[in-house]
Amino acid sequence: MTTTQSAASLASGFRQMYVNGKWQDASTGETMDVINPATEAVLGKIAAGSAADVDAAVKAARAQFDGGEWSKMPGSARGRLLYRL
């Protein structure tokens, strides 16, 4: 598998955003192309988040940071979860 093929496989798998513990489409339903800057080839599509999507993600992150389960977890456990993502 080439780097371009693996990047394309990766990009094609992220058509949704991970917000507040779940995968979801952009609120507008829009997607945008992922472009290889070296070749300008389109590798795939990802969710095109709107300002409302960003606000929802920030609100969810803030709630976790201020007292949710995430803030009580040791750094090593948070790292393992992020690696799995």
PDB file of N, CA and C in Angstrom:
ATOM      1  N   MET A   1       0.856  -1.185   0.000  1.00  0.00           N
ATOM      2  CA  MET A   1       0.000   0.000   0.000  1.00  0.00           C
ATOM      3  C   MET A   1       0.897   1.242   0.000  1.00  0.00           C
ATOM      4  N   THR A   2       0.608   2.186  -0.854  1.00  0.00           N
ATOM      5  CA  THR A   2       1.401   3.406  -0.923  1.00  0.00           C
ATOM      6  C   THR A   2       0.906   4.417   0.105  1.00  0.00           C
ATOM      7  N   THR A   3       1.719   5.448   0.308  1.00  0.00           N
ATOM      8  CA  THR A   3       1.316   6.513   1.233  1.00  0.00           C
ATOM      9  C   THR A   3       0.021   7.164   0.783  1.00  0.00           C
ATOM     10  N   THR A   4      -0.119   7.385  -0.518  1.00  0.00           N
ATOM     11  CA  THR A   4      -1.344   7.991  -1.040  1.00  0.00           C
ATOM     12  C   THR A   4      -2.545   7.096  -0.786  1.00  0.00           C
ATOM     13  N   GLN A   5      -2.370   5.784  -0.978  1.00  0.00           N
ATOM     14  CA  GLN A   5      -3.481   4.863  -0.731  1.00  0.00           C
ATOM     15  C   GLN A   5      -3.863   4.852   0.737  1.00  0.00           C
ATOM     16  N   SER A   6      -2.881   4.830   1.644  1.00  0.00           N
ATOM     17  CA  SER A   6      -3.210   4.790   3.063  1.00  0.00           C
ATOM     18  C   SER A   6      -3.841   6.102   3.505  1.00  0.00           C
ATOM     19  N   ALA A   7      -3.366   7.225   2.962  1.00  0.00           N
ATOM     20  CA  ALA A   7      -3.981   8.519   3.292  1.00  0.00           C
ATOM     21  C   ALA A   7      -5.407   8.576   2.780  1.00  0.00           C
ATOM     22  N   ALA A   8      -5.637   8.044   1.596  1.00  0.00           N
ATOM     23  CA  ALA A   8      -6.990   8.030   1.040  1.00  0.00           C
ATOM     24  C   ALA A   8      -7.903   7.158   1.880  1.00  0.00           C
ATOM     25  N   SER A   9      -7.398   6.020   2.320  1.00  0.00           N
ATOM     26  CA  SER A   9      -8.195   5.137   3.171  1.00  0.00           C
ATOM     27  C   SER A   9      -8.543   5.831   4.469  1.00  0.00           C
ATOM     28  N   LEU A  10      -7.588   6.528   5.034  1.00  0.00           N
ATOM     29  CA  LEU A  10      -7.817   7.245   6.283  1.00  0.00           C
ATOM     30  C   LEU A  10      -8.836   8.355   6.087  1.00  0.00           C
ATOM     31  N   ALA A  11      -8.648   9.161   5.070  1.00  0.00           N
ATOM     32  CA  ALA A  11      -9.541  10.296   4.846  1.00  0.00           C
ATOM     33  C   ALA A  11     -10.967   9.851   4.555  1.00  0.00           C
ATOM     34  N   SER A  12     -11.126   8.737   3.869  1.00  0.00           N
ATOM     35  CA  SER A  12     -12.470   8.296   3.520  1.00  0.00           C
ATOM     36  C   SER A  12     -13.248   7.804   4.730  1.00  0.00           C
ATOM     37  N   GLY A  13     -12.558   7.516   5.832  1.00  0.00           N
ATOM     38  CA  GLY A  13     -13.220   7.005   7.018  1.00  0.00           C
ATOM     39  C   GLY A  13     -13.712   8.068   7.980  1.00  0.00           C
ATOM     40  N   PHE A  14     -13.471   9.333   7.693  1.00  0.00           N
ATOM     41  CA  PHE A  14     -13.815  10.387   8.641  1.00  0.00           C
ATOM     42  C   PHE A  14     -14.808  11.371   8.055  1.00  0.00           C
ATOM     43  N   ARG A  15     -15.930  10.875   7.622  1.00  0.00           N
ATOM     44  CA  ARG A  15     -16.950  11.775   7.069  1.00  0.00           C
ATOM     45  C   ARG A  15     -17.838  12.353   8.156  1.00  0.00           C
ATOM     46  N   GLN A  16     -17.575  11.974   9.385  1.00  0.00           N
ATOM     47  CA  GLN A  16     -18.323  12.521  10.513  1.00  0.00           C
ATOM     48  C   GLN A  16     -17.343  13.126  11.509  1.00  0.00           C
ATOM     49  N   MET A  17     -17.878  13.919  12.425  1.00  0.00           N
ATOM     50  CA  MET A  17     -17.085  14.538  13.480  1.00  0.00           C
ATOM     51  C   MET A  17     -17.373  13.812  14.794  1.00  0.00           C
ATOM     52  N   TYR A  18     -16.370  13.739  15.653  1.00  0.00           N
ATOM     53  CA  TYR A  18     -16.539  13.108  16.957  1.00  0.00           C
ATOM     54  C   TYR A  18     -16.743  14.220  17.978  1.00  0.00           C
ATOM     55  N   VAL A  19     -17.980  14.353  18.457  1.00  0.00           N
ATOM     56  CA  VAL A  19     -18.334  15.414  19.392  1.00  0.00           C
ATOM     57  C   VAL A  19     -19.138  14.819  20.530  1.00  0.00           C
ATOM     58  N   ASN A  20     -18.720  15.118  21.741  1.00  0.00           N
ATOM     59  CA  ASN A  20     -19.449  14.708  22.944  1.00  0.00           C
ATOM     60  C   ASN A  20     -19.670  13.199  22.999  1.00  0.00           C
ATOM     61  N   GLY A  21     -18.633  12.449  22.610  1.00  0.00           N
ATOM     62  CA  GLY A  21     -18.686  10.998  22.749  1.00  0.00           C
ATOM     63  C   GLY A  21     -19.384  10.247  21.638  1.00  0.00           C
ATOM     64  N   LYS A  22     -19.703  10.921  20.546  1.00  0.00           N
ATOM     65  CA  LYS A  22     -20.365  10.199  19.447  1.00  0.00           C
ATOM     66  C   LYS A  22     -19.974  10.793  18.094  1.00  0.00           C
ATOM     67  N   TRP A  23     -20.025   9.942  17.078  1.00  0.00           N
ATOM     68  CA  TRP A  23     -19.773  10.372  15.711  1.00  0.00           C
ATOM     69  C   TRP A  23     -21.050  10.980  15.158  1.00  0.00           C
ATOM     70  N   GLN A  24     -20.939  12.132  14.511  1.00  0.00           N
ATOM     71  CA  GLN A  24     -22.115  12.779  13.950  1.00  0.00           C
ATOM     72  C   GLN A  24     -21.750  13.539  12.681  1.00  0.00           C
ATOM     73  N   ASP A  25     -22.753  13.710  11.825  1.00  0.00           N
ATOM     74  CA  ASP A  25     -22.570  14.499  10.614  1.00  0.00           C
ATOM     75  C   ASP A  25     -22.478  15.972  10.976  1.00  0.00           C
ATOM     76  N   ALA A  26     -21.936  16.765  10.082  1.00  0.00           N
ATOM     77  CA  ALA A  26     -21.972  18.209  10.250  1.00  0.00           C
ATOM     78  C   ALA A  26     -23.441  18.645  10.277  1.00  0.00           C
ATOM     79  N   SER A  27     -23.744  19.665  11.040  1.00  0.00           N
ATOM     80  CA  SER A  27     -25.139  20.096  11.160  1.00  0.00           C
ATOM     81  C   SER A  27     -25.727  20.505   9.811  1.00  0.00           C
ATOM     82  N   THR A  28     -24.875  20.942   8.902  1.00  0.00           N
ATOM     83  CA  THR A  28     -25.342  21.327   7.575  1.00  0.00           C
ATOM     84  C   THR A  28     -25.384  20.138   6.618  1.00  0.00           C
ATOM     85  N   GLY A  29     -24.764  19.026   7.011  1.00  0.00           N
ATOM     86  CA  GLY A  29     -24.682  17.860   6.145  1.00  0.00           C
ATOM     87  C   GLY A  29     -23.596  17.987   5.084  1.00  0.00           C
ATOM     88  N   GLU A  30     -22.871  19.089   5.095  1.00  0.00           N
ATOM     89  CA  GLU A  30     -21.850  19.325   4.074  1.00  0.00           C
ATOM     90  C   GLU A  30     -20.556  18.584   4.381  1.00  0.00           C
ATOM     91  N   THR A  31     -19.822  18.275   3.315  1.00  0.00           N
ATOM     92  CA  THR A  31     -18.487  17.702   3.429  1.00  0.00           C
ATOM     93  C   THR A  31     -17.527  18.566   2.618  1.00  0.00           C
ATOM     94  N   MET A  32     -16.238  18.331   2.827  1.00  0.00           N
ATOM     95  CA  MET A  32     -15.238  19.031   2.021  1.00  0.00           C
ATOM     96  C   MET A  32     -14.131  18.061   1.656  1.00  0.00           C
ATOM     97  N   ASP A  33     -13.443  18.375   0.585  1.00  0.00           N
ATOM     98  CA  ASP A  33     -12.376  17.515   0.094  1.00  0.00           C
ATOM     99  C   ASP A  33     -11.142  17.613   0.987  1.00  0.00           C
ATOM    100  N   VAL A  34     -10.453  16.483   1.144  1.00  0.00           N
ATOM    101  CA  VAL A  34      -9.130  16.439   1.750  1.00  0.00           C
ATOM    102  C   VAL A  34      -8.157  16.360   0.580  1.00  0.00           C
ATOM    103  N   ILE A  35      -7.264  17.336   0.499  1.00  0.00           N
ATOM    104  CA  ILE A  35      -6.378  17.446  -0.658  1.00  0.00           C
ATOM    105  C   ILE A  35      -4.935  17.231  -0.234  1.00  0.00           C
ATOM    106  N   ASN A  36      -4.232  16.406  -0.989  1.00  0.00           N
ATOM    107  CA  ASN A  36      -2.805  16.189  -0.773  1.00  0.00           C
ATOM    108  C   ASN A  36      -2.079  17.448  -1.249  1.00  0.00           C
ATOM    109  N   PRO A  37      -1.387  18.161  -0.355  1.00  0.00           N
ATOM    110  CA  PRO A  37      -0.748  19.413  -0.770  1.00  0.00           C
ATOM    111  C   PRO A  37       0.405  19.210  -1.756  1.00  0.00           C
ATOM    112  N   ALA A  38       0.989  18.025  -1.773  1.00  0.00           N
ATOM    113  CA  ALA A  38       2.104  17.770  -2.686  1.00  0.00           C
ATOM    114  C   ALA A  38       1.635  17.516  -4.116  1.00  0.00           C
ATOM    115  N   THR A  39       0.486  16.856  -4.246  1.00  0.00           N
ATOM    116  CA  THR A  39       0.017  16.472  -5.584  1.00  0.00           C
ATOM    117  C   THR A  39      -1.282  17.145  -5.993  1.00  0.00           C
ATOM    118  N   GLU A  40      -1.943  17.757  -5.024  1.00  0.00           N
ATOM    119  CA  GLU A  40      -3.258  18.371  -5.201  1.00  0.00           C
ATOM    120  C   GLU A  40      -4.338  17.357  -5.566  1.00  0.00           C
ATOM    121  N   ALA A  41      -4.042  16.082  -5.316  1.00  0.00           N
ATOM    122  CA  ALA A  41      -5.036  15.031  -5.545  1.00  0.00           C
ATOM    123  C   ALA A  41      -6.032  15.022  -4.394  1.00  0.00           C
ATOM    124  N   VAL A  42      -7.287  14.771  -4.695  1.00  0.00           N
ATOM    125  CA  VAL A  42      -8.311  14.646  -3.660  1.00  0.00           C
ATOM    126  C   VAL A  42      -8.174  13.262  -3.040  1.00  0.00           C
ATOM    127  N   LEU A  43      -7.959  13.227  -1.725  1.00  0.00           N
ATOM    128  CA  LEU A  43      -7.772  11.969  -1.012  1.00  0.00           C
ATOM    129  C   LEU A  43      -9.073  11.405  -0.475  1.00  0.00           C
ATOM    130  N   GLY A  44     -10.030  12.267  -0.210  1.00  0.00           N
ATOM    131  CA  GLY A  44     -11.300  11.828   0.359  1.00  0.00           C
ATOM    132  C   GLY A  44     -12.116  13.034   0.783  1.00  0.00           C
ATOM    133  N   LYS A  45     -13.105  12.791   1.605  1.00  0.00           N
ATOM    134  CA  LYS A  45     -13.972  13.860   2.093  1.00  0.00           C
ATOM    135  C   LYS A  45     -14.085  13.760   3.605  1.00  0.00           C
ATOM    136  N   ILE A  46     -14.262  14.909   4.246  1.00  0.00           N
ATOM    137  CA  ILE A  46     -14.504  14.965   5.682  1.00  0.00           C
ATOM    138  C   ILE A  46     -15.694  15.884   5.927  1.00  0.00           C
ATOM    139  N   ALA A  47     -16.256  15.799   7.129  1.00  0.00           N
ATOM    140  CA  ALA A  47     -17.368  16.671   7.495  1.00  0.00           C
ATOM    141  C   ALA A  47     -16.891  18.120   7.496  1.00  0.00           C
ATOM    142  N   ALA A  48     -17.692  19.007   6.954  1.00  0.00           N
ATOM    143  CA  ALA A  48     -17.395  20.443   6.946  1.00  0.00           C
ATOM    144  C   ALA A  48     -18.175  21.082   8.086  1.00  0.00           C
ATOM    145  N   GLY A  49     -17.556  21.152   9.237  1.00  0.00           N
ATOM    146  CA  GLY A  49     -18.225  21.694  10.412  1.00  0.00           C
ATOM    147  C   GLY A  49     -18.534  23.171  10.270  1.00  0.00           C
ATOM    148  N   SER A  50     -19.674  23.563  10.779  1.00  0.00           N
ATOM    149  CA  SER A  50     -20.095  24.965  10.759  1.00  0.00           C
ATOM    150  C   SER A  50     -19.748  25.607  12.108  1.00  0.00           C
ATOM    151  N   ALA A  51     -20.029  26.889  12.230  1.00  0.00           N
ATOM    152  CA  ALA A  51     -19.812  27.583  13.500  1.00  0.00           C
ATOM    153  C   ALA A  51     -20.632  26.924  14.612  1.00  0.00           C
ATOM    154  N   ALA A  52     -21.830  26.459  14.297  1.00  0.00           N
ATOM    155  CA  ALA A  52     -22.671  25.781  15.296  1.00  0.00           C
ATOM    156  C   ALA A  52     -22.020  24.469  15.738  1.00  0.00           C
ATOM    157  N   ASP A  53     -21.390  23.750  14.804  1.00  0.00           N
ATOM    158  CA  ASP A  53     -20.696  22.507  15.154  1.00  0.00           C
ATOM    159  C   ASP A  53     -19.508  22.790  16.075  1.00  0.00           C
ATOM    160  N   VAL A  54     -18.773  23.847  15.771  1.00  0.00           N
ATOM    161  CA  VAL A  54     -17.628  24.230  16.607  1.00  0.00           C
ATOM    162  C   VAL A  54     -18.120  24.608  17.997  1.00  0.00           C
ATOM    163  N   ASP A  55     -19.189  25.386  18.080  1.00  0.00           N
ATOM    164  CA  ASP A  55     -19.741  25.774  19.380  1.00  0.00           C
ATOM    165  C   ASP A  55     -20.158  24.558  20.191  1.00  0.00           C
ATOM    166  N   ALA A  56     -20.791  23.587  19.549  1.00  0.00           N
ATOM    167  CA  ALA A  56     -21.215  22.367  20.253  1.00  0.00           C
ATOM    168  C   ALA A  56     -20.000  21.577  20.749  1.00  0.00           C
ATOM    169  N   ALA A  57     -18.967  21.493  19.934  1.00  0.00           N
ATOM    170  CA  ALA A  57     -17.756  20.764  20.325  1.00  0.00           C
ATOM    171  C   ALA A  57     -17.048  21.459  21.493  1.00  0.00           C
ATOM    172  N   VAL A  58     -16.957  22.770  21.434  1.00  0.00           N
ATOM    173  CA  VAL A  58     -16.308  23.525  22.515  1.00  0.00           C
ATOM    174  C   VAL A  58     -17.110  23.394  23.807  1.00  0.00           C
ATOM    175  N   LYS A  59     -18.425  23.468  23.710  1.00  0.00           N
ATOM    176  CA  LYS A  59     -19.289  23.330  24.895  1.00  0.00           C
ATOM    177  C   LYS A  59     -19.106  21.949  25.533  1.00  0.00           C
ATOM    178  N   ALA A  60     -19.071  20.900  24.711  1.00  0.00           N
ATOM    179  CA  ALA A  60     -18.887  19.543  25.228  1.00  0.00           C
ATOM    180  C   ALA A  60     -17.502  19.379  25.856  1.00  0.00           C
ATOM    181  N   ALA A  61     -16.484  19.925  25.207  1.00  0.00           N
ATOM    182  CA  ALA A  61     -15.122  19.835  25.740  1.00  0.00           C
ATOM    183  C   ALA A  61     -15.001  20.594  27.055  1.00  0.00           C
ATOM    184  N   ARG A  62     -15.606  21.747  27.120  1.00  0.00           N
ATOM    185  CA  ARG A  62     -15.551  22.552  28.345  1.00  0.00           C
ATOM    186  C   ARG A  62     -16.223  21.819  29.506  1.00  0.00           C
ATOM    187  N   ALA A  63     -17.362  21.199  29.243  1.00  0.00           N
ATOM    188  CA  ALA A  63     -18.075  20.457  30.283  1.00  0.00           C
ATOM    189  C   ALA A  63     -17.214  19.315  30.808  1.00  0.00           C
ATOM    190  N   GLN A  64     -16.518  18.613  29.914  1.00  0.00           N
ATOM    191  CA  GLN A  64     -15.641  17.527  30.348  1.00  0.00           C
ATOM    192  C   GLN A  64     -14.440  18.064  31.112  1.00  0.00           C
ATOM    193  N   PHE A  65     -13.889  19.167  30.657  1.00  0.00           N
ATOM    194  CA  PHE A  65     -12.724  19.750  31.304  1.00  0.00           C
ATOM    195  C   PHE A  65     -13.070  20.249  32.703  1.00  0.00           C
ATOM    196  N   ASP A  66     -14.264  20.819  32.861  1.00  0.00           N
ATOM    197  CA  ASP A  66     -14.653  21.417  34.136  1.00  0.00           C
ATOM    198  C   ASP A  66     -15.125  20.431  35.189  1.00  0.00           C
ATOM    199  N   GLY A  67     -15.281  19.185  34.870  1.00  0.00           N
ATOM    200  CA  GLY A  67     -15.713  18.275  35.920  1.00  0.00           C
ATOM    201  C   GLY A  67     -16.199  16.946  35.416  1.00  0.00           C
ATOM    202  N   GLY A  68     -16.085  16.733  34.158  1.00  0.00           N
ATOM    203  CA  GLY A  68     -16.499  15.453  33.598  1.00  0.00           C
ATOM    204  C   GLY A  68     -15.469  14.370  33.874  1.00  0.00           C
ATOM    205  N   GLU A  69     -15.750  13.221  33.371  1.00  0.00           N
ATOM    206  CA  GLU A  69     -14.897  12.049  33.545  1.00  0.00           C
ATOM    207  C   GLU A  69     -13.478  12.276  33.015  1.00  0.00           C
ATOM    208  N   TRP A  70     -13.368  12.986  31.905  1.00  0.00           N
ATOM    209  CA  TRP A  70     -12.068  13.223  31.258  1.00  0.00           C
ATOM    210  C   TRP A  70     -11.089  13.915  32.201  1.00  0.00           C
ATOM    211  N   SER A  71     -11.553  14.936  32.916  1.00  0.00           N
ATOM    212  CA  SER A  71     -10.650  15.711  33.767  1.00  0.00           C
ATOM    213  C   SER A  71     -10.177  14.929  34.986  1.00  0.00           C
ATOM    214  N   LYS A  72     -10.886  13.876  35.351  1.00  0.00           N
ATOM    215  CA  LYS A  72     -10.513  13.069  36.513  1.00  0.00           C
ATOM    216  C   LYS A  72      -9.588  11.912  36.156  1.00  0.00           C
ATOM    217  N   MET A  73      -9.416  11.680  34.858  1.00  0.00           N
ATOM    218  CA  MET A  73      -8.611  10.564  34.362  1.00  0.00           C
ATOM    219  C   MET A  73      -7.127  10.916  34.388  1.00  0.00           C
ATOM    220  N   PRO A  74      -6.267   9.944  34.735  1.00  0.00           N
ATOM    221  CA  PRO A  74      -4.825  10.200  34.629  1.00  0.00           C
ATOM    222  C   PRO A  74      -4.437  10.446  33.172  1.00  0.00           C
ATOM    223  N   GLY A  75      -3.379  11.198  32.963  1.00  0.00           N
ATOM    224  CA  GLY A  75      -2.918  11.514  31.618  1.00  0.00           C
ATOM    225  C   GLY A  75      -2.644  10.287  30.777  1.00  0.00           C
ATOM    226  N   SER A  76      -2.112   9.243  31.394  1.00  0.00           N
ATOM    227  CA  SER A  76      -1.807   8.025  30.624  1.00  0.00           C
ATOM    228  C   SER A  76      -3.088   7.387  30.078  1.00  0.00           C
ATOM    229  N   ALA A  77      -4.160   7.421  30.840  1.00  0.00           N
ATOM    230  CA  ALA A  77      -5.441   6.860  30.377  1.00  0.00           C
ATOM    231  C   ALA A  77      -6.021   7.720  29.259  1.00  0.00           C
ATOM    232  N   ARG A  78      -5.907   9.030  29.390  1.00  0.00           N
ATOM    233  CA  ARG A  78      -6.387   9.915  28.321  1.00  0.00           C
ATOM    234  C   ARG A  78      -5.591   9.667  27.041  1.00  0.00           C
ATOM    235  N   GLY A  79      -4.292   9.480  27.188  1.00  0.00           N
ATOM    236  CA  GLY A  79      -3.444   9.201  26.019  1.00  0.00           C
ATOM    237  C   GLY A  79      -3.857   7.931  25.306  1.00  0.00           C
ATOM    238  N   ARG A  80      -4.165   6.878  26.069  1.00  0.00           N
ATOM    239  CA  ARG A  80      -4.578   5.609  25.449  1.00  0.00           C
ATOM    240  C   ARG A  80      -5.888   5.790  24.686  1.00  0.00           C
ATOM    241  N   LEU A  81      -6.809   6.553  25.240  1.00  0.00           N
ATOM    242  CA  LEU A  81      -8.075   6.792  24.547  1.00  0.00           C
ATOM    243  C   LEU A  81      -7.872   7.583  23.259  1.00  0.00           C
ATOM    244  N   LEU A  82      -7.028   8.594  23.319  1.00  0.00           N
ATOM    245  CA  LEU A  82      -6.765   9.386  22.112  1.00  0.00           C
ATOM    246  C   LEU A  82      -6.067   8.550  21.051  1.00  0.00           C
ATOM    247  N   TYR A  83      -5.190   7.673  21.482  1.00  0.00           N
ATOM    248  CA  TYR A  83      -4.495   6.808  20.516  1.00  0.00           C
ATOM    249  C   TYR A  83      -5.492   5.900  19.800  1.00  0.00           C
ATOM    250  N   ARG A  84      -6.484   5.399  20.524  1.00  0.00           N
ATOM    251  CA  ARG A  84      -7.495   4.522  19.916  1.00  0.00           C
ATOM    252  C   ARG A  84      -8.366   5.253  18.911  1.00  0.00           C
ATOM    253  N   LEU A  85      -8.522   6.564  19.128  1.00  0.00           N
ATOM    254  CA  LEU A  85      -9.340   7.358  18.218  1.00  0.00           C
ATOM    255  C   LEU A  85      -8.655   7.465  16.884  1.00  0.00           C
TER     256      LEU A  85
END
